[in-house]
Amino acid sequence: MLTRTVPLLPIFRNIWICILLLCASCGNPRPKEILGANHYFPINLGSQIVHLQLAVAEEEMRRGLMFRQSLPENHGMLFIYTYPRQLVFWMRNTLIPLDIGYFSQDGVLREIYRMYPHDETSVRSRRSDLTFALEMTQGWYSHKDVSPGAQLDVQELSQALLDRGFIPERFGIK
């Protein structure tokens, strides 16, 4: 009597594929979408809510606000550094008159300077313990009554960094 054996390997393989497909479609939440560099994050600064783009990656920092024709009201760009230092900015290829605020790692605004379109003169901070620089349209700080001592909400900044896919601790934010 001849018996015929059924190859079990293809059957088990097909069952395994079906199980994997079922598990993949069982309502597992999709991973959180990482927000890009062009996304604005609402963050409290003193008594104001500002909508900030985060310049974190080297290319984002190098480009900054170059070639932009305008900024919406209460919008700006926050440059985030990995360790405290003296900060230096200039306005190469920047068309919008800006003010820049320099912040210490705890989110406290320490210095504010005016910057003018296409001016390549360095705008150097006096302090060397600065971690963030915030560019806003020229006159914004004085019009909104935001002066040195104002506090940037570092908890909101921490969440914005997470949403961008960065680890806040890398920038000294706890």
N, C-alpha and C. Protein backbone atom coordinates (compact mmCIF):
# COMPACT_ATOMS: atom_id res chain seq x y z
N MET A 1 0.85 -1.16 0.00
CA MET A 1 0.00 0.00 0.00
C MET A 1 0.90 1.23 0.00
N LEU A 2 0.58 2.13 -0.87
CA LEU A 2 1.32 3.37 -0.99
C LEU A 2 0.62 4.47 -0.21
N THR A 3 1.36 5.18 0.57
CA THR A 3 0.79 6.34 1.25
C THR A 3 1.44 7.59 0.69
N ARG A 4 0.65 8.54 0.57
CA ARG A 4 1.14 9.80 0.03
C ARG A 4 1.27 10.79 1.19
N THR A 5 2.42 11.43 1.32
CA THR A 5 2.60 12.42 2.37
C THR A 5 2.41 13.81 1.79
N VAL A 6 1.72 14.60 2.53
CA VAL A 6 1.49 15.99 2.13
C VAL A 6 2.62 16.82 2.72
N PRO A 7 3.31 17.62 1.88
CA PRO A 7 4.38 18.46 2.43
C PRO A 7 3.80 19.49 3.39
N LEU A 8 4.23 19.45 4.61
CA LEU A 8 3.68 20.32 5.65
C LEU A 8 4.31 21.71 5.66
N LEU A 9 5.52 21.82 5.18
CA LEU A 9 6.20 23.12 5.24
C LEU A 9 5.42 24.23 4.54
N PRO A 10 4.95 24.05 3.30
CA PRO A 10 4.16 25.14 2.67
C PRO A 10 2.88 25.45 3.43
N ILE A 11 2.26 24.45 4.01
CA ILE A 11 1.01 24.68 4.76
C ILE A 11 1.30 25.53 5.99
N PHE A 12 2.32 25.16 6.77
CA PHE A 12 2.67 25.93 7.96
C PHE A 12 3.11 27.35 7.59
N ARG A 13 3.83 27.46 6.50
CA ARG A 13 4.26 28.80 6.06
C ARG A 13 3.04 29.67 5.74
N ASN A 14 2.06 29.12 5.03
CA ASN A 14 0.86 29.89 4.69
C ASN A 14 0.05 30.25 5.93
N ILE A 15 -0.04 29.32 6.88
CA ILE A 15 -0.75 29.62 8.13
C ILE A 15 -0.02 30.74 8.88
N TRP A 16 1.30 30.67 8.94
CA TRP A 16 2.11 31.69 9.62
C TRP A 16 1.90 33.05 8.97
N ILE A 17 1.88 33.12 7.67
CA ILE A 17 1.64 34.40 6.96
C ILE A 17 0.27 34.93 7.31
N CYS A 18 -0.74 34.07 7.33
CA CYS A 18 -2.10 34.52 7.69
C CYS A 18 -2.15 35.07 9.12
N ILE A 19 -1.46 34.40 10.03
CA ILE A 19 -1.43 34.87 11.43
C ILE A 19 -0.77 36.24 11.50
N LEU A 20 0.36 36.41 10.82
CA LEU A 20 1.04 37.71 10.82
C LEU A 20 0.17 38.81 10.25
N LEU A 21 -0.52 38.52 9.14
CA LEU A 21 -1.41 39.52 8.55
C LEU A 21 -2.55 39.88 9.48
N LEU A 22 -3.12 38.90 10.15
CA LEU A 22 -4.19 39.18 11.11
C LEU A 22 -3.70 40.03 12.26
N CYS A 23 -2.53 39.70 12.79
CA CYS A 23 -1.99 40.48 13.91
C CYS A 23 -1.70 41.91 13.48
N ALA A 24 -1.22 42.08 12.28
CA ALA A 24 -0.88 43.43 11.80
C ALA A 24 -2.12 44.29 11.64
N SER A 25 -3.26 43.67 11.40
CA SER A 25 -4.48 44.46 11.18
C SER A 25 -5.41 44.46 12.39
N CYS A 26 -4.92 44.05 13.55
CA CYS A 26 -5.76 43.95 14.75
C CYS A 26 -5.90 45.25 15.50
N GLY A 27 -5.82 46.38 14.85
CA GLY A 27 -6.04 47.64 15.53
C GLY A 27 -4.82 48.21 16.22
N ASN A 28 -3.64 47.73 15.91
CA ASN A 28 -2.46 48.35 16.47
C ASN A 28 -2.39 49.79 15.98
N PRO A 29 -2.21 50.73 16.89
CA PRO A 29 -2.16 52.12 16.45
C PRO A 29 -0.94 52.36 15.57
N ARG A 30 -1.11 53.24 14.59
CA ARG A 30 0.00 53.61 13.74
C ARG A 30 0.97 54.44 14.56
N PRO A 31 2.25 54.35 14.24
CA PRO A 31 3.19 55.20 14.98
C PRO A 31 2.88 56.67 14.74
N LYS A 32 3.13 57.47 15.74
CA LYS A 32 2.88 58.90 15.66
C LYS A 32 3.66 59.51 14.50
N GLU A 33 2.98 60.29 13.70
CA GLU A 33 3.65 60.94 12.58
C GLU A 33 4.64 61.97 13.11
N ILE A 34 5.84 61.91 12.58
CA ILE A 34 6.85 62.88 12.98
C ILE A 34 6.64 64.14 12.16
N LEU A 35 6.54 65.26 12.82
CA LEU A 35 6.27 66.52 12.15
C LEU A 35 7.55 67.09 11.58
N GLY A 36 7.44 67.66 10.40
CA GLY A 36 8.61 68.16 9.69
C GLY A 36 9.06 69.53 10.16
N ALA A 37 10.14 69.97 9.56
CA ALA A 37 10.76 71.24 9.92
C ALA A 37 9.86 72.43 9.61
N ASN A 38 8.93 72.27 8.68
CA ASN A 38 8.07 73.40 8.31
C ASN A 38 6.83 73.53 9.20
N HIS A 39 6.71 72.67 10.18
CA HIS A 39 5.57 72.72 11.10
C HIS A 39 5.82 73.79 12.17
N TYR A 40 4.76 74.52 12.52
CA TYR A 40 4.84 75.52 13.59
C TYR A 40 4.25 74.93 14.87
N PHE A 41 4.94 75.17 16.00
CA PHE A 41 4.49 74.69 17.30
C PHE A 41 4.10 75.87 18.17
N PRO A 42 2.90 75.85 18.77
CA PRO A 42 2.53 76.93 19.70
C PRO A 42 3.26 76.72 21.03
N ILE A 43 4.00 77.74 21.44
CA ILE A 43 4.77 77.67 22.68
C ILE A 43 4.61 79.01 23.41
N ASN A 44 4.40 78.95 24.71
CA ASN A 44 4.26 80.16 25.51
C ASN A 44 5.62 80.80 25.75
N LEU A 45 5.64 82.12 25.57
CA LEU A 45 6.81 82.94 25.89
C LEU A 45 6.29 84.13 26.67
N GLY A 46 6.59 84.14 27.96
CA GLY A 46 6.02 85.19 28.81
C GLY A 46 4.50 85.08 28.76
N SER A 47 3.83 86.18 28.46
CA SER A 47 2.36 86.18 28.38
C SER A 47 1.87 85.96 26.94
N GLN A 48 2.77 85.67 26.03
CA GLN A 48 2.42 85.51 24.62
C GLN A 48 2.47 84.04 24.18
N ILE A 49 1.65 83.70 23.22
CA ILE A 49 1.77 82.41 22.55
C ILE A 49 2.42 82.69 21.20
N VAL A 50 3.54 82.03 20.96
CA VAL A 50 4.24 82.19 19.69
C VAL A 50 4.18 80.86 18.94
N HIS A 51 4.18 80.94 17.63
CA HIS A 51 4.13 79.76 16.77
C HIS A 51 5.51 79.63 16.14
N LEU A 52 6.22 78.57 16.54
CA LEU A 52 7.63 78.48 16.21
C LEU A 52 7.96 77.29 15.34
N GLN A 53 8.78 77.55 14.34
CA GLN A 53 9.46 76.49 13.63
C GLN A 53 10.72 76.20 14.43
N LEU A 54 11.09 74.94 14.50
CA LEU A 54 12.29 74.56 15.23
C LEU A 54 13.42 74.29 14.25
N ALA A 55 14.49 75.03 14.38
CA ALA A 55 15.69 74.77 13.59
C ALA A 55 16.62 73.95 14.47
N VAL A 56 16.68 72.66 14.18
CA VAL A 56 17.43 71.74 15.02
C VAL A 56 18.56 71.09 14.20
N ALA A 57 18.21 70.57 13.04
CA ALA A 57 19.20 69.94 12.17
C ALA A 57 20.12 71.00 11.57
N GLU A 58 21.33 70.61 11.27
CA GLU A 58 22.33 71.55 10.77
C GLU A 58 21.84 72.33 9.54
N GLU A 59 21.21 71.66 8.60
CA GLU A 59 20.73 72.33 7.38
C GLU A 59 19.64 73.35 7.72
N GLU A 60 18.75 73.02 8.65
CA GLU A 60 17.70 73.96 9.08
C GLU A 60 18.33 75.21 9.70
N MET A 61 19.35 75.00 10.50
CA MET A 61 20.02 76.13 11.16
C MET A 61 20.76 76.99 10.15
N ARG A 62 21.38 76.33 9.19
CA ARG A 62 22.15 77.08 8.19
C ARG A 62 21.22 77.94 7.32
N ARG A 63 20.06 77.42 6.97
CA ARG A 63 19.12 78.15 6.11
C ARG A 63 18.32 79.19 6.89
N GLY A 64 17.92 78.85 8.10
CA GLY A 64 17.17 79.80 8.92
C GLY A 64 15.98 80.40 8.19
N LEU A 65 15.87 81.71 8.24
CA LEU A 65 14.75 82.41 7.57
C LEU A 65 15.19 83.05 6.24
N MET A 66 16.28 82.57 5.68
CA MET A 66 16.76 83.11 4.40
C MET A 66 15.68 83.01 3.33
N PHE A 67 15.64 84.03 2.48
CA PHE A 67 14.81 84.09 1.26
C PHE A 67 13.31 84.19 1.53
N ARG A 68 12.89 84.30 2.77
CA ARG A 68 11.45 84.45 3.06
C ARG A 68 11.05 85.90 2.82
N GLN A 69 9.87 86.08 2.28
CA GLN A 69 9.33 87.41 2.02
C GLN A 69 8.65 88.00 3.25
N SER A 70 8.11 87.13 4.11
CA SER A 70 7.37 87.61 5.29
C SER A 70 7.24 86.48 6.31
N LEU A 71 6.80 86.87 7.49
CA LEU A 71 6.45 85.92 8.55
C LEU A 71 5.06 86.28 9.05
N PRO A 72 4.19 85.30 9.28
CA PRO A 72 2.88 85.62 9.87
C PRO A 72 3.06 86.22 11.27
N GLU A 73 2.07 86.96 11.70
CA GLU A 73 2.12 87.58 13.03
C GLU A 73 2.30 86.51 14.10
N ASN A 74 3.15 86.79 15.06
CA ASN A 74 3.44 85.89 16.19
C ASN A 74 4.10 84.58 15.78
N HIS A 75 4.73 84.56 14.62
CA HIS A 75 5.45 83.38 14.14
C HIS A 75 6.95 83.70 14.11
N GLY A 76 7.75 82.68 14.37
CA GLY A 76 9.19 82.85 14.33
C GLY A 76 9.91 81.54 14.21
N MET A 77 11.22 81.61 14.32
CA MET A 77 12.05 80.41 14.24
C MET A 77 12.94 80.33 15.47
N LEU A 78 12.91 79.17 16.12
CA LEU A 78 13.72 78.92 17.31
C LEU A 78 14.88 77.99 16.94
N PHE A 79 16.09 78.49 17.14
CA PHE A 79 17.30 77.72 16.89
C PHE A 79 17.69 77.05 18.21
N ILE A 80 17.92 75.73 18.17
CA ILE A 80 18.14 74.97 19.39
C ILE A 80 19.52 74.30 19.31
N TYR A 81 20.36 74.60 20.29
CA TYR A 81 21.73 74.09 20.32
C TYR A 81 21.88 73.01 21.38
N THR A 82 22.84 72.12 21.20
CA THR A 82 23.01 70.98 22.09
C THR A 82 23.70 71.33 23.40
N TYR A 83 24.43 72.43 23.45
CA TYR A 83 25.08 72.82 24.70
C TYR A 83 25.20 74.35 24.76
N PRO A 84 25.26 74.92 25.95
CA PRO A 84 25.35 76.38 26.09
C PRO A 84 26.62 76.94 25.45
N ARG A 85 26.49 78.15 24.87
CA ARG A 85 27.61 78.79 24.18
C ARG A 85 27.29 80.26 23.93
N GLN A 86 28.25 80.98 23.44
CA GLN A 86 28.01 82.32 22.94
C GLN A 86 27.41 82.14 21.54
N LEU A 87 26.36 82.90 21.25
CA LEU A 87 25.68 82.75 19.95
C LEU A 87 26.01 83.92 19.04
N VAL A 88 26.09 83.62 17.75
CA VAL A 88 26.40 84.62 16.74
C VAL A 88 25.49 84.40 15.54
N PHE A 89 24.78 85.45 15.12
CA PHE A 89 23.90 85.36 13.95
C PHE A 89 24.21 86.52 13.01
N TRP A 90 23.80 86.36 11.77
CA TRP A 90 23.88 87.42 10.77
C TRP A 90 22.69 87.28 9.83
N MET A 91 22.58 88.16 8.85
CA MET A 91 21.37 88.23 8.03
C MET A 91 21.63 87.97 6.54
N ARG A 92 22.61 87.17 6.22
CA ARG A 92 22.88 86.85 4.81
C ARG A 92 21.61 86.27 4.16
N ASN A 93 21.25 86.83 3.03
CA ASN A 93 20.09 86.37 2.24
C ASN A 93 18.77 86.42 3.00
N THR A 94 18.71 87.21 4.04
CA THR A 94 17.47 87.34 4.82
C THR A 94 16.83 88.66 4.45
N LEU A 95 15.57 88.59 4.02
CA LEU A 95 14.86 89.74 3.46
C LEU A 95 14.01 90.47 4.49
N ILE A 96 13.73 89.84 5.61
CA ILE A 96 12.81 90.38 6.61
C ILE A 96 13.61 91.02 7.75
N PRO A 97 13.28 92.25 8.16
CA PRO A 97 13.94 92.79 9.36
C PRO A 97 13.51 91.97 10.58
N LEU A 98 14.45 91.59 11.39
CA LEU A 98 14.18 90.69 12.51
C LEU A 98 14.73 91.24 13.82
N ASP A 99 14.17 90.72 14.90
CA ASP A 99 14.78 90.82 16.22
C ASP A 99 15.16 89.41 16.62
N ILE A 100 16.27 89.29 17.35
CA ILE A 100 16.68 87.98 17.83
C ILE A 100 16.77 88.04 19.34
N GLY A 101 16.20 87.02 19.98
CA GLY A 101 16.29 86.88 21.43
C GLY A 101 17.15 85.67 21.74
N TYR A 102 18.08 85.84 22.66
CA TYR A 102 18.96 84.76 23.09
C TYR A 102 18.49 84.27 24.45
N PHE A 103 18.40 82.95 24.60
CA PHE A 103 17.85 82.33 25.81
C PHE A 103 18.87 81.38 26.43
N SER A 104 18.85 81.31 27.76
CA SER A 104 19.65 80.31 28.46
C SER A 104 18.91 78.97 28.44
N GLN A 105 19.59 77.93 28.86
CA GLN A 105 19.07 76.57 28.79
C GLN A 105 17.78 76.40 29.59
N ASP A 106 17.55 77.20 30.61
CA ASP A 106 16.33 77.11 31.40
C ASP A 106 15.15 77.83 30.74
N GLY A 107 15.36 78.39 29.54
CA GLY A 107 14.29 79.03 28.80
C GLY A 107 14.10 80.50 29.13
N VAL A 108 15.03 81.10 29.86
CA VAL A 108 14.90 82.52 30.23
C VAL A 108 15.53 83.38 29.13
N LEU A 109 14.76 84.37 28.67
CA LEU A 109 15.25 85.33 27.68
C LEU A 109 16.29 86.21 28.35
N ARG A 110 17.49 86.26 27.76
CA ARG A 110 18.59 87.00 28.36
C ARG A 110 18.96 88.27 27.59
N GLU A 111 18.90 88.23 26.24
CA GLU A 111 19.34 89.36 25.42
C GLU A 111 18.45 89.46 24.19
N ILE A 112 18.27 90.70 23.69
CA ILE A 112 17.50 90.94 22.46
C ILE A 112 18.29 91.92 21.59
N TYR A 113 18.34 91.64 20.29
CA TYR A 113 19.05 92.51 19.34
C TYR A 113 18.22 92.68 18.07
N ARG A 114 18.39 93.85 17.44
CA ARG A 114 17.78 94.10 16.13
C ARG A 114 18.72 93.62 15.04
N MET A 115 18.11 93.10 13.96
CA MET A 115 18.91 92.66 12.81
C MET A 115 18.22 93.19 11.55
N TYR A 116 19.04 93.56 10.58
CA TYR A 116 18.53 94.23 9.38
C TYR A 116 18.79 93.38 8.13
N PRO A 117 17.86 93.42 7.17
CA PRO A 117 17.99 92.60 5.96
C PRO A 117 19.36 92.74 5.30
N HIS A 118 19.90 91.62 4.88
CA HIS A 118 21.16 91.51 4.13
C HIS A 118 22.39 91.99 4.90
N ASP A 119 22.27 92.32 6.17
CA ASP A 119 23.41 92.80 6.95
C ASP A 119 24.22 91.59 7.43
N GLU A 120 25.45 91.50 6.98
CA GLU A 120 26.29 90.37 7.35
C GLU A 120 27.18 90.65 8.55
N THR A 121 26.88 91.75 9.25
CA THR A 121 27.58 92.05 10.49
C THR A 121 27.13 91.04 11.55
N SER A 122 28.08 90.46 12.26
CA SER A 122 27.74 89.48 13.29
C SER A 122 26.99 90.13 14.44
N VAL A 123 25.92 89.46 14.87
CA VAL A 123 25.17 89.88 16.06
C VAL A 123 25.52 88.85 17.13
N ARG A 124 26.50 89.20 17.94
CA ARG A 124 27.08 88.29 18.93
C ARG A 124 26.46 88.54 20.30
N SER A 125 26.14 87.46 20.99
CA SER A 125 25.64 87.59 22.36
C SER A 125 26.78 88.00 23.29
N ARG A 126 26.42 88.67 24.37
CA ARG A 126 27.41 89.00 25.40
C ARG A 126 27.69 87.77 26.27
N ARG A 127 26.64 87.00 26.52
CA ARG A 127 26.76 85.84 27.40
C ARG A 127 27.24 84.61 26.63
N SER A 128 27.80 83.67 27.36
CA SER A 128 28.27 82.42 26.74
C SER A 128 27.54 81.20 27.29
N ASP A 129 26.39 81.43 27.94
CA ASP A 129 25.61 80.34 28.51
C ASP A 129 24.25 80.20 27.83
N LEU A 130 24.21 80.41 26.52
CA LEU A 130 22.95 80.46 25.79
C LEU A 130 22.75 79.19 24.95
N THR A 131 21.50 78.75 24.88
CA THR A 131 21.18 77.51 24.18
C THR A 131 20.15 77.71 23.06
N PHE A 132 19.33 78.76 23.14
CA PHE A 132 18.28 78.99 22.15
C PHE A 132 18.39 80.41 21.61
N ALA A 133 18.02 80.55 20.34
CA ALA A 133 17.91 81.87 19.72
C ALA A 133 16.56 81.92 19.01
N LEU A 134 15.80 82.95 19.26
CA LEU A 134 14.47 83.09 18.66
C LEU A 134 14.42 84.32 17.76
N GLU A 135 14.21 84.09 16.47
CA GLU A 135 14.04 85.17 15.51
C GLU A 135 12.56 85.44 15.31
N MET A 136 12.19 86.70 15.52
CA MET A 136 10.82 87.18 15.30
C MET A 136 10.92 88.44 14.43
N THR A 137 9.79 88.88 13.87
CA THR A 137 9.82 90.10 13.07
C THR A 137 10.29 91.26 13.92
N GLN A 138 10.98 92.20 13.28
CA GLN A 138 11.56 93.32 14.00
C GLN A 138 10.46 94.11 14.73
N GLY A 139 10.70 94.40 15.99
CA GLY A 139 9.75 95.13 16.83
C GLY A 139 8.80 94.22 17.61
N TRP A 140 8.79 92.93 17.31
CA TRP A 140 7.86 92.03 17.98
C TRP A 140 8.06 92.04 19.49
N TYR A 141 9.28 91.90 19.95
CA TYR A 141 9.54 91.82 21.39
C TYR A 141 9.03 93.09 22.10
N SER A 142 9.33 94.25 21.55
CA SER A 142 8.89 95.49 22.22
C SER A 142 7.38 95.68 22.10
N HIS A 143 6.79 95.36 20.95
CA HIS A 143 5.34 95.51 20.79
C HIS A 143 4.55 94.58 21.69
N LYS A 144 5.08 93.42 21.95
CA LYS A 144 4.39 92.43 22.78
C LYS A 144 4.84 92.49 24.24
N ASP A 145 5.70 93.46 24.55
CA ASP A 145 6.17 93.65 25.92
C ASP A 145 6.87 92.40 26.48
N VAL A 146 7.67 91.77 25.60
CA VAL A 146 8.47 90.61 26.00
C VAL A 146 9.91 91.10 26.13
N SER A 147 10.45 91.03 27.33
CA SER A 147 11.78 91.57 27.60
C SER A 147 12.63 90.53 28.32
N PRO A 148 13.93 90.80 28.48
CA PRO A 148 14.77 89.86 29.21
C PRO A 148 14.14 89.50 30.56
N GLY A 149 14.21 88.22 30.86
CA GLY A 149 13.56 87.68 32.05
C GLY A 149 12.32 86.89 31.70
N ALA A 150 11.75 87.11 30.51
CA ALA A 150 10.57 86.35 30.08
C ALA A 150 10.94 84.88 29.96
N GLN A 151 9.99 84.02 30.24
CA GLN A 151 10.23 82.58 30.29
C GLN A 151 9.60 81.89 29.08
N LEU A 152 10.42 81.14 28.35
CA LEU A 152 9.95 80.25 27.29
C LEU A 152 9.54 78.94 27.96
N ASP A 153 8.36 78.42 27.63
CA ASP A 153 7.87 77.21 28.28
C ASP A 153 8.67 76.01 27.76
N VAL A 154 9.61 75.53 28.57
CA VAL A 154 10.49 74.44 28.13
C VAL A 154 9.76 73.10 28.09
N GLN A 155 8.66 72.96 28.83
CA GLN A 155 7.86 71.72 28.74
C GLN A 155 7.20 71.64 27.37
N GLU A 156 6.66 72.75 26.90
CA GLU A 156 6.05 72.77 25.55
C GLU A 156 7.13 72.58 24.48
N LEU A 157 8.29 73.17 24.70
CA LEU A 157 9.40 72.98 23.77
C LEU A 157 9.84 71.52 23.76
N SER A 158 9.90 70.90 24.91
CA SER A 158 10.26 69.49 25.00
C SER A 158 9.29 68.64 24.18
N GLN A 159 8.00 68.91 24.31
CA GLN A 159 7.00 68.15 23.54
C GLN A 159 7.15 68.42 22.04
N ALA A 160 7.43 69.65 21.66
CA ALA A 160 7.62 69.98 20.24
C ALA A 160 8.83 69.22 19.69
N LEU A 161 9.90 69.14 20.47
CA LEU A 161 11.07 68.36 20.03
C LEU A 161 10.71 66.89 19.85
N LEU A 162 9.97 66.34 20.79
CA LEU A 162 9.52 64.95 20.66
C LEU A 162 8.68 64.78 19.39
N ASP A 163 7.79 65.72 19.14
CA ASP A 163 6.95 65.65 17.95
C ASP A 163 7.76 65.73 16.66
N ARG A 164 8.91 66.39 16.73
CA ARG A 164 9.82 66.45 15.59
C ARG A 164 10.71 65.22 15.49
N GLY A 165 10.66 64.34 16.51
CA GLY A 165 11.47 63.14 16.49
C GLY A 165 12.82 63.29 17.16
N PHE A 166 13.00 64.35 17.95
CA PHE A 166 14.26 64.58 18.66
C PHE A 166 14.09 64.26 20.14
N ILE A 167 15.19 63.90 20.78
CA ILE A 167 15.19 63.61 22.21
C ILE A 167 15.54 64.90 22.95
N PRO A 168 14.60 65.45 23.75
CA PRO A 168 14.85 66.73 24.43
C PRO A 168 16.10 66.74 25.30
N GLU A 169 16.41 65.62 25.95
CA GLU A 169 17.58 65.55 26.83
C GLU A 169 18.87 65.82 26.06
N ARG A 170 18.87 65.55 24.77
CA ARG A 170 20.06 65.83 23.94
C ARG A 170 20.39 67.33 23.95
N PHE A 171 19.39 68.14 24.24
CA PHE A 171 19.56 69.60 24.26
C PHE A 171 19.51 70.15 25.68
N GLY A 172 19.65 69.26 26.66
CA GLY A 172 19.67 69.68 28.05
C GLY A 172 18.29 70.01 28.60
N ILE A 173 17.24 69.58 27.89
CA ILE A 173 15.86 69.85 28.34
C ILE A 173 15.33 68.61 29.03
N LYS A 174 14.89 68.79 30.26
CA LYS A 174 14.40 67.64 31.04
C LYS A 174 12.90 67.63 31.09
